[in-house]
Amino acid sequence: MNSNEEILKPLDVSGFSLLELMVVVVIIGILAAAAVPNMGGWLAKRELNSASRVLYSHIQQARSEAVRGNEIVKICFDTGTTPDSYIVIGNSSGIIIPQTSLPSNDLSFSSINFSGIAAMASNTTGFDGRGLSLQSGSITITSSKAPSADNDRTITLSSGGSTSITP
């Protein structure tokens, strides 16, 4: 073979061309753009679930403290602050759980409904020394960012002291 023929002979090169690479990058960009709006709703729903579970566990802790100390423990909800908050107070032991705010301004107590003892405010509940609820009712936490079909969680407190979360 002539040396000129060796130079002009095509090389066996494997790999991607620049055009193929750019097409793949564009496809990934389109898929990512479609996923981002769904991600926002997912994060808001996750935050709502987390706030509901924290409040649920604080209610359970209040009940445990009431039984342990054989005292009345109250949970007072405040919707006048931003974000909404609550505090757990024992009659003789003082503050059990300090003022706790919902983790975001996107979350709020949309409904606080307690009934039972006339001397207690409607935004207050608690437990006696036997672990029974002073006022049964419910608290609803709503997210302004979560998808509207699934944007609230209701924590229900029965007169027997049991607590549950419903979507």
N, C-alpha and C. Protein backbone atom coordinates (compact mmCIF):
# COMPACT_ATOMS: atom_id res chain seq x y z
N MET A 1 0.82 -1.18 0.00
CA MET A 1 0.00 0.00 0.00
C MET A 1 0.86 1.24 0.00
N ASN A 2 0.31 2.18 -0.57
CA ASN A 2 0.96 3.47 -0.65
C ASN A 2 0.71 4.22 0.65
N SER A 3 1.64 5.03 1.05
CA SER A 3 1.50 5.77 2.31
C SER A 3 0.34 6.76 2.25
N ASN A 4 0.03 7.28 1.05
CA ASN A 4 -1.11 8.20 0.90
C ASN A 4 -2.43 7.45 1.11
N GLU A 5 -2.50 6.22 0.69
CA GLU A 5 -3.71 5.43 0.86
C GLU A 5 -3.96 5.12 2.32
N GLU A 6 -2.90 4.90 3.09
CA GLU A 6 -3.04 4.63 4.52
C GLU A 6 -3.58 5.85 5.25
N ILE A 7 -3.19 7.01 4.84
CA ILE A 7 -3.65 8.24 5.49
C ILE A 7 -5.13 8.46 5.21
N LEU A 8 -5.58 8.18 4.01
CA LEU A 8 -6.97 8.42 3.63
C LEU A 8 -7.91 7.30 4.05
N LYS A 9 -7.39 6.19 4.54
CA LYS A 9 -8.22 5.07 4.95
C LYS A 9 -9.04 5.47 6.18
N PRO A 10 -10.38 5.21 6.20
CA PRO A 10 -11.20 5.58 7.37
C PRO A 10 -10.79 4.78 8.60
N LEU A 11 -10.83 5.45 9.72
CA LEU A 11 -10.49 4.82 11.00
C LEU A 11 -11.73 4.15 11.58
N ASP A 12 -11.57 3.06 12.27
CA ASP A 12 -12.68 2.42 12.96
C ASP A 12 -12.83 3.08 14.33
N VAL A 13 -13.66 4.12 14.37
CA VAL A 13 -13.86 4.89 15.60
C VAL A 13 -15.29 4.65 16.08
N SER A 14 -15.44 4.31 17.34
CA SER A 14 -16.78 4.15 17.89
C SER A 14 -17.04 5.28 18.87
N GLY A 15 -18.32 5.56 19.13
CA GLY A 15 -18.70 6.63 20.05
C GLY A 15 -19.93 7.35 19.54
N PHE A 16 -20.22 8.47 20.16
CA PHE A 16 -21.40 9.25 19.81
C PHE A 16 -20.97 10.50 19.07
N SER A 17 -21.78 10.89 18.13
CA SER A 17 -21.51 12.15 17.45
C SER A 17 -22.07 13.28 18.32
N LEU A 18 -21.65 14.47 18.03
CA LEU A 18 -22.12 15.64 18.78
C LEU A 18 -23.63 15.79 18.63
N LEU A 19 -24.15 15.52 17.47
CA LEU A 19 -25.59 15.63 17.23
C LEU A 19 -26.38 14.64 18.09
N GLU A 20 -25.91 13.41 18.16
CA GLU A 20 -26.59 12.41 18.99
C GLU A 20 -26.57 12.81 20.46
N LEU A 21 -25.46 13.32 20.91
CA LEU A 21 -25.33 13.76 22.30
C LEU A 21 -26.30 14.90 22.60
N MET A 22 -26.42 15.86 21.68
CA MET A 22 -27.32 17.00 21.90
C MET A 22 -28.78 16.55 21.92
N VAL A 23 -29.15 15.58 21.10
CA VAL A 23 -30.53 15.07 21.09
C VAL A 23 -30.85 14.43 22.45
N VAL A 24 -29.93 13.67 23.00
CA VAL A 24 -30.14 13.05 24.31
C VAL A 24 -30.28 14.11 25.40
N VAL A 25 -29.46 15.15 25.37
CA VAL A 25 -29.54 16.22 26.37
C VAL A 25 -30.89 16.94 26.27
N VAL A 26 -31.38 17.18 25.07
CA VAL A 26 -32.69 17.83 24.90
C VAL A 26 -33.80 16.95 25.45
N ILE A 27 -33.76 15.66 25.20
CA ILE A 27 -34.78 14.73 25.71
C ILE A 27 -34.77 14.72 27.24
N ILE A 28 -33.60 14.67 27.84
CA ILE A 28 -33.50 14.70 29.31
C ILE A 28 -34.05 16.01 29.85
N GLY A 29 -33.78 17.12 29.18
CA GLY A 29 -34.31 18.41 29.60
C GLY A 29 -35.83 18.46 29.57
N ILE A 30 -36.42 17.90 28.53
CA ILE A 30 -37.88 17.88 28.42
C ILE A 30 -38.49 17.02 29.54
N LEU A 31 -37.91 15.87 29.80
CA LEU A 31 -38.41 15.01 30.88
C LEU A 31 -38.26 15.68 32.24
N ALA A 32 -37.16 16.38 32.47
CA ALA A 32 -36.95 17.07 33.75
C ALA A 32 -37.96 18.20 33.91
N ALA A 33 -38.24 18.92 32.84
CA ALA A 33 -39.22 20.02 32.90
C ALA A 33 -40.61 19.50 33.23
N ALA A 34 -40.93 18.31 32.77
CA ALA A 34 -42.23 17.72 33.08
C ALA A 34 -42.31 17.24 34.52
N ALA A 35 -41.18 16.85 35.10
CA ALA A 35 -41.18 16.31 36.47
C ALA A 35 -41.16 17.38 37.54
N VAL A 36 -40.63 18.56 37.25
CA VAL A 36 -40.47 19.60 38.28
C VAL A 36 -41.79 20.04 38.89
N PRO A 37 -42.86 20.31 38.13
CA PRO A 37 -44.12 20.71 38.78
C PRO A 37 -44.66 19.65 39.74
N ASN A 38 -44.52 18.39 39.39
CA ASN A 38 -44.97 17.32 40.27
C ASN A 38 -44.14 17.26 41.54
N MET A 39 -42.90 17.64 41.46
CA MET A 39 -42.00 17.61 42.61
C MET A 39 -42.46 18.61 43.68
N GLY A 40 -42.94 19.78 43.25
CA GLY A 40 -43.41 20.79 44.21
C GLY A 40 -44.58 20.30 45.03
N GLY A 41 -45.54 19.64 44.39
CA GLY A 41 -46.68 19.08 45.11
C GLY A 41 -46.27 17.97 46.05
N TRP A 42 -45.32 17.17 45.60
CA TRP A 42 -44.82 16.07 46.43
C TRP A 42 -44.14 16.61 47.68
N LEU A 43 -43.33 17.65 47.54
CA LEU A 43 -42.64 18.23 48.70
C LEU A 43 -43.63 18.84 49.68
N ALA A 44 -44.65 19.53 49.17
CA ALA A 44 -45.67 20.14 50.04
C ALA A 44 -46.44 19.06 50.80
N LYS A 45 -46.76 17.98 50.12
CA LYS A 45 -47.48 16.87 50.77
C LYS A 45 -46.61 16.21 51.83
N ARG A 46 -45.34 16.09 51.55
CA ARG A 46 -44.39 15.51 52.52
C ARG A 46 -44.30 16.39 53.77
N GLU A 47 -44.25 17.71 53.56
CA GLU A 47 -44.19 18.64 54.68
C GLU A 47 -45.48 18.57 55.51
N LEU A 48 -46.62 18.45 54.86
CA LEU A 48 -47.91 18.33 55.55
C LEU A 48 -47.95 17.05 56.38
N ASN A 49 -47.53 15.94 55.81
CA ASN A 49 -47.50 14.66 56.54
C ASN A 49 -46.56 14.74 57.73
N SER A 50 -45.42 15.37 57.55
CA SER A 50 -44.45 15.50 58.64
C SER A 50 -45.01 16.34 59.79
N ALA A 51 -45.61 17.48 59.46
CA ALA A 51 -46.19 18.35 60.50
C ALA A 51 -47.31 17.63 61.25
N SER A 52 -48.11 16.85 60.54
CA SER A 52 -49.20 16.10 61.17
C SER A 52 -48.66 15.06 62.14
N ARG A 53 -47.61 14.36 61.72
CA ARG A 53 -47.02 13.33 62.59
C ARG A 53 -46.36 13.94 63.82
N VAL A 54 -45.74 15.11 63.66
CA VAL A 54 -45.12 15.78 64.82
C VAL A 54 -46.20 16.19 65.81
N LEU A 55 -47.29 16.80 65.34
CA LEU A 55 -48.38 17.18 66.24
C LEU A 55 -48.99 15.95 66.90
N TYR A 56 -49.20 14.90 66.15
CA TYR A 56 -49.73 13.64 66.70
C TYR A 56 -48.82 13.14 67.82
N SER A 57 -47.52 13.13 67.60
CA SER A 57 -46.60 12.63 68.63
C SER A 57 -46.58 13.55 69.85
N HIS A 58 -46.74 14.86 69.65
CA HIS A 58 -46.80 15.78 70.79
C HIS A 58 -48.08 15.57 71.60
N ILE A 59 -49.17 15.26 70.93
CA ILE A 59 -50.41 14.95 71.64
C ILE A 59 -50.23 13.67 72.46
N GLN A 60 -49.59 12.67 71.87
CA GLN A 60 -49.32 11.43 72.60
C GLN A 60 -48.39 11.68 73.79
N GLN A 61 -47.40 12.54 73.59
CA GLN A 61 -46.49 12.87 74.69
C GLN A 61 -47.24 13.60 75.81
N ALA A 62 -48.15 14.49 75.45
CA ALA A 62 -48.95 15.20 76.45
C ALA A 62 -49.77 14.21 77.27
N ARG A 63 -50.36 13.23 76.61
CA ARG A 63 -51.14 12.21 77.32
C ARG A 63 -50.24 11.41 78.27
N SER A 64 -49.07 11.02 77.80
CA SER A 64 -48.13 10.26 78.64
C SER A 64 -47.71 11.07 79.86
N GLU A 65 -47.43 12.35 79.66
CA GLU A 65 -47.03 13.21 80.77
C GLU A 65 -48.16 13.39 81.78
N ALA A 66 -49.40 13.47 81.29
CA ALA A 66 -50.55 13.60 82.19
C ALA A 66 -50.68 12.37 83.08
N VAL A 67 -50.52 11.20 82.49
CA VAL A 67 -50.62 9.95 83.26
C VAL A 67 -49.43 9.82 84.21
N ARG A 68 -48.23 10.11 83.69
CA ARG A 68 -47.02 9.97 84.51
C ARG A 68 -47.06 10.88 85.73
N GLY A 69 -47.47 12.14 85.53
CA GLY A 69 -47.50 13.10 86.63
C GLY A 69 -48.83 13.16 87.36
N ASN A 70 -49.81 12.36 86.92
CA ASN A 70 -51.15 12.38 87.48
C ASN A 70 -51.67 13.82 87.60
N GLU A 71 -51.57 14.53 86.49
CA GLU A 71 -51.98 15.94 86.46
C GLU A 71 -52.71 16.24 85.15
N ILE A 72 -53.33 17.39 85.11
CA ILE A 72 -53.97 17.84 83.88
C ILE A 72 -52.90 18.49 83.00
N VAL A 73 -52.85 18.07 81.75
CA VAL A 73 -51.93 18.64 80.76
C VAL A 73 -52.77 19.20 79.63
N LYS A 74 -52.54 20.47 79.29
CA LYS A 74 -53.33 21.14 78.25
C LYS A 74 -52.49 21.37 77.00
N ILE A 75 -53.17 21.32 75.87
CA ILE A 75 -52.57 21.66 74.58
C ILE A 75 -53.34 22.86 74.06
N CYS A 76 -52.66 23.99 73.92
CA CYS A 76 -53.29 25.24 73.49
C CYS A 76 -52.82 25.59 72.08
N PHE A 77 -53.77 25.78 71.17
CA PHE A 77 -53.46 26.10 69.78
C PHE A 77 -53.62 27.59 69.55
N ASP A 78 -52.67 28.19 68.83
CA ASP A 78 -52.67 29.63 68.56
C ASP A 78 -52.68 29.85 67.06
N THR A 79 -53.77 30.39 66.55
CA THR A 79 -53.86 30.69 65.12
C THR A 79 -53.59 32.16 64.84
N GLY A 80 -53.26 32.91 65.88
CA GLY A 80 -52.99 34.34 65.70
C GLY A 80 -51.55 34.62 65.31
N THR A 81 -50.70 33.62 65.34
CA THR A 81 -49.30 33.80 64.97
C THR A 81 -49.09 33.29 63.54
N THR A 82 -48.00 33.68 62.94
CA THR A 82 -47.66 33.17 61.62
C THR A 82 -46.27 32.58 61.70
N PRO A 83 -46.08 31.32 61.43
CA PRO A 83 -47.10 30.30 61.19
C PRO A 83 -47.83 29.92 62.48
N ASP A 84 -48.96 29.22 62.32
CA ASP A 84 -49.75 28.78 63.48
C ASP A 84 -48.89 27.93 64.40
N SER A 85 -49.26 27.92 65.70
CA SER A 85 -48.42 27.21 66.67
C SER A 85 -49.27 26.61 67.78
N TYR A 86 -48.60 25.87 68.67
CA TYR A 86 -49.26 25.27 69.83
C TYR A 86 -48.23 25.10 70.93
N ILE A 87 -48.73 24.92 72.16
CA ILE A 87 -47.87 24.72 73.32
C ILE A 87 -48.53 23.67 74.21
N VAL A 88 -47.72 22.89 74.91
CA VAL A 88 -48.23 21.87 75.84
C VAL A 88 -47.80 22.26 77.24
N ILE A 89 -48.79 22.42 78.14
CA ILE A 89 -48.53 22.91 79.50
C ILE A 89 -49.15 21.97 80.52
N GLY A 90 -48.39 21.62 81.54
CA GLY A 90 -48.91 20.83 82.66
C GLY A 90 -49.34 21.75 83.78
N ASN A 91 -50.40 21.39 84.52
CA ASN A 91 -50.88 22.25 85.60
C ASN A 91 -49.82 22.49 86.67
N SER A 92 -49.09 21.45 87.04
CA SER A 92 -48.08 21.63 88.08
C SER A 92 -46.65 21.59 87.53
N SER A 93 -46.44 20.94 86.40
CA SER A 93 -45.08 20.82 85.88
C SER A 93 -44.69 21.94 84.93
N GLY A 94 -45.61 22.81 84.58
CA GLY A 94 -45.30 23.93 83.69
C GLY A 94 -45.22 23.50 82.23
N ILE A 95 -44.37 24.18 81.48
CA ILE A 95 -44.26 23.91 80.04
C ILE A 95 -43.62 22.55 79.80
N ILE A 96 -44.32 21.70 79.09
CA ILE A 96 -43.82 20.36 78.74
C ILE A 96 -43.20 20.39 77.35
N ILE A 97 -43.92 20.96 76.39
CA ILE A 97 -43.39 21.16 75.04
C ILE A 97 -43.51 22.65 74.75
N PRO A 98 -42.38 23.33 74.52
CA PRO A 98 -42.43 24.77 74.28
C PRO A 98 -43.24 25.13 73.03
N GLN A 99 -43.51 26.41 72.86
CA GLN A 99 -44.25 26.90 71.70
C GLN A 99 -43.67 26.27 70.44
N THR A 100 -44.48 25.52 69.73
CA THR A 100 -44.05 24.81 68.52
C THR A 100 -44.86 25.34 67.34
N SER A 101 -44.16 25.87 66.35
CA SER A 101 -44.83 26.41 65.17
C SER A 101 -44.88 25.36 64.07
N LEU A 102 -45.89 25.47 63.22
CA LEU A 102 -45.92 24.64 62.02
C LEU A 102 -44.69 25.03 61.19
N PRO A 103 -44.09 24.08 60.47
CA PRO A 103 -42.79 24.32 59.84
C PRO A 103 -42.79 25.33 58.70
N SER A 104 -43.94 25.79 58.24
CA SER A 104 -43.97 26.66 57.08
C SER A 104 -45.21 27.55 57.11
N ASN A 105 -45.11 28.71 56.46
CA ASN A 105 -46.27 29.58 56.33
C ASN A 105 -47.31 28.99 55.39
N ASP A 106 -46.93 27.95 54.63
CA ASP A 106 -47.86 27.29 53.72
C ASP A 106 -48.82 26.36 54.47
N LEU A 107 -48.52 26.07 55.74
CA LEU A 107 -49.36 25.20 56.56
C LEU A 107 -50.12 26.03 57.57
N SER A 108 -51.36 25.64 57.86
CA SER A 108 -52.14 26.36 58.86
C SER A 108 -53.16 25.42 59.50
N PHE A 109 -53.62 25.81 60.70
CA PHE A 109 -54.72 25.10 61.35
C PHE A 109 -56.00 25.65 60.73
N SER A 110 -56.57 24.93 59.79
CA SER A 110 -57.77 25.44 59.13
C SER A 110 -59.02 25.21 59.96
N SER A 111 -58.94 24.25 60.89
CA SER A 111 -60.10 23.96 61.72
C SER A 111 -59.63 23.42 63.07
N ILE A 112 -60.14 24.01 64.14
CA ILE A 112 -59.88 23.52 65.50
C ILE A 112 -61.24 23.41 66.17
N ASN A 113 -61.69 22.19 66.40
CA ASN A 113 -63.03 21.95 66.96
C ASN A 113 -62.93 21.03 68.17
N PHE A 114 -63.04 21.60 69.35
CA PHE A 114 -63.06 20.81 70.58
C PHE A 114 -64.30 21.17 71.37
N SER A 115 -64.88 20.18 72.01
CA SER A 115 -66.03 20.44 72.88
C SER A 115 -65.96 19.51 74.07
N GLY A 116 -66.49 19.96 75.16
CA GLY A 116 -66.46 19.14 76.37
C GLY A 116 -66.63 20.02 77.59
N ILE A 117 -65.55 20.52 78.13
CA ILE A 117 -65.59 21.34 79.34
C ILE A 117 -65.85 22.79 78.95
N ALA A 118 -66.92 23.36 79.46
CA ALA A 118 -67.30 24.71 79.09
C ALA A 118 -66.28 25.75 79.53
N ALA A 119 -65.53 25.47 80.59
CA ALA A 119 -64.57 26.44 81.10
C ALA A 119 -63.32 26.54 80.24
N MET A 120 -63.11 25.59 79.32
CA MET A 120 -61.92 25.61 78.47
C MET A 120 -62.24 26.30 77.15
N ALA A 121 -61.25 26.99 76.60
CA ALA A 121 -61.42 27.64 75.31
C ALA A 121 -61.57 26.58 74.22
N SER A 122 -62.20 26.96 73.12
CA SER A 122 -62.44 26.00 72.04
C SER A 122 -61.16 25.62 71.30
N ASN A 123 -60.08 26.38 71.49
CA ASN A 123 -58.81 26.04 70.85
C ASN A 123 -57.86 25.34 71.81
N THR A 124 -58.41 24.77 72.88
CA THR A 124 -57.60 24.09 73.89
C THR A 124 -58.18 22.72 74.17
N THR A 125 -57.31 21.77 74.33
CA THR A 125 -57.71 20.44 74.76
C THR A 125 -56.64 19.94 75.71
N GLY A 126 -56.75 18.72 76.13
CA GLY A 126 -55.74 18.17 77.04
C GLY A 126 -56.18 16.84 77.59
N PHE A 127 -55.46 16.41 78.63
CA PHE A 127 -55.70 15.11 79.24
C PHE A 127 -55.69 15.23 80.75
N ASP A 128 -56.48 14.36 81.40
CA ASP A 128 -56.44 14.31 82.86
C ASP A 128 -55.40 13.27 83.28
N GLY A 129 -55.27 13.05 84.57
CA GLY A 129 -54.27 12.13 85.10
C GLY A 129 -54.49 10.68 84.73
N ARG A 130 -55.68 10.35 84.23
CA ARG A 130 -55.96 8.98 83.79
C ARG A 130 -55.74 8.80 82.29
N GLY A 131 -55.36 9.88 81.61
CA GLY A 131 -55.12 9.81 80.16
C GLY A 131 -56.36 10.02 79.32
N LEU A 132 -57.46 10.44 79.97
CA LEU A 132 -58.69 10.70 79.24
C LEU A 132 -58.68 12.13 78.73
N SER A 133 -59.28 12.33 77.58
CA SER A 133 -59.31 13.65 76.96
C SER A 133 -60.23 14.59 77.73
N LEU A 134 -59.78 15.82 77.95
CA LEU A 134 -60.63 16.83 78.57
C LEU A 134 -61.70 17.31 77.60
N GLN A 135 -61.34 17.42 76.33
CA GLN A 135 -62.27 17.82 75.29
C GLN A 135 -61.96 17.00 74.04
N SER A 136 -62.95 16.30 73.55
CA SER A 136 -62.74 15.56 72.30
C SER A 136 -62.96 16.50 71.13
N GLY A 137 -62.42 16.13 69.99
CA GLY A 137 -62.58 16.97 68.81
C GLY A 137 -61.50 16.70 67.79
N SER A 138 -61.23 17.71 66.96
CA SER A 138 -60.25 17.52 65.89
C SER A 138 -59.53 18.81 65.55
N ILE A 139 -58.36 18.64 64.97
CA ILE A 139 -57.55 19.74 64.45
C ILE A 139 -57.25 19.38 63.00
N THR A 140 -57.46 20.30 62.08
CA THR A 140 -57.14 20.05 60.68
C THR A 140 -56.00 20.97 60.26
N ILE A 141 -54.94 20.37 59.73
CA ILE A 141 -53.82 21.13 59.19
C ILE A 141 -53.97 21.11 57.67
N THR A 142 -53.91 22.29 57.06
CA THR A 142 -54.08 22.41 55.61
C THR A 142 -52.84 23.02 54.99
N SER A 143 -52.48 22.52 53.81
CA SER A 143 -51.35 23.06 53.05
C SER A 143 -51.88 23.84 51.86
N SER A 144 -51.38 25.05 51.68
CA SER A 144 -51.79 25.85 50.53
C SER A 144 -51.04 25.45 49.26
N LYS A 145 -49.98 24.65 49.40
CA LYS A 145 -49.16 24.26 48.24
C LYS A 145 -49.42 22.84 47.75
N ALA A 146 -49.99 21.99 48.60
CA ALA A 146 -50.23 20.59 48.21
C ALA A 146 -51.38 20.52 47.21
N PRO A 147 -51.44 19.46 46.41
CA PRO A 147 -52.57 19.31 45.48
C PRO A 147 -53.90 19.33 46.23
N SER A 148 -54.90 20.01 45.68
CA SER A 148 -56.16 20.25 46.41
C SER A 148 -56.89 18.96 46.79
N ALA A 149 -56.67 17.88 46.08
CA ALA A 149 -57.35 16.63 46.42
C ALA A 149 -56.79 16.01 47.69
N ASP A 150 -55.61 16.42 48.09
CA ASP A 150 -54.94 15.80 49.25
C ASP A 150 -54.16 16.86 50.02
N ASN A 151 -54.82 17.96 50.39
CA ASN A 151 -54.09 19.07 51.00
C ASN A 151 -54.38 19.28 52.48
N ASP A 152 -54.99 18.30 53.16
CA ASP A 152 -55.19 18.47 54.60
C ASP A 152 -55.10 17.14 55.33
N ARG A 153 -54.80 17.25 56.63
CA ARG A 153 -54.74 16.10 57.52
C ARG A 153 -55.52 16.49 58.78
N THR A 154 -56.40 15.58 59.23
CA THR A 154 -57.19 15.84 60.43
C THR A 154 -56.72 14.90 61.53
N ILE A 155 -56.40 15.49 62.66
CA ILE A 155 -55.99 14.73 63.84
C ILE A 155 -57.19 14.74 64.78
N THR A 156 -57.73 13.56 65.05
CA THR A 156 -58.94 13.43 65.86
C THR A 156 -58.58 12.89 67.22
N LEU A 157 -59.15 13.51 68.25
CA LEU A 157 -58.92 13.12 69.64
C LEU A 157 -60.25 12.67 70.22
N SER A 158 -60.34 11.40 70.63
CA SER A 158 -61.59 10.88 71.18
C SER A 158 -61.66 11.17 72.68
N SER A 159 -62.85 11.02 73.25
CA SER A 159 -63.02 11.29 74.68
C SER A 159 -62.24 10.29 75.53
N GLY A 160 -61.97 9.11 74.98
CA GLY A 160 -61.18 8.11 75.70
C GLY A 160 -59.69 8.38 75.66
N GLY A 161 -59.26 9.37 74.87
CA GLY A 161 -57.86 9.73 74.81
C GLY A 161 -57.12 9.22 73.60
N SER A 162 -57.77 8.39 72.77
CA SER A 162 -57.06 7.89 71.59
C SER A 162 -57.00 8.97 70.52
N THR A 163 -55.95 8.91 69.72
CA THR A 163 -55.69 9.92 68.70
C THR A 163 -55.48 9.22 67.36
N SER A 164 -55.97 9.84 66.28
CA SER A 164 -55.76 9.27 64.95
C SER A 164 -55.56 10.40 63.94
N ILE A 165 -54.89 10.06 62.83
CA ILE A 165 -54.68 11.00 61.72
C ILE A 165 -55.43 10.45 60.51
N THR A 166 -56.21 11.31 59.87
CA THR A 166 -56.88 10.91 58.63
C THR A 166 -56.56 11.93 57.54
N PRO A 167 -56.38 11.43 56.31
CA PRO A 167 -56.09 12.35 55.20
C PRO A 167 -57.29 13.18 54.82
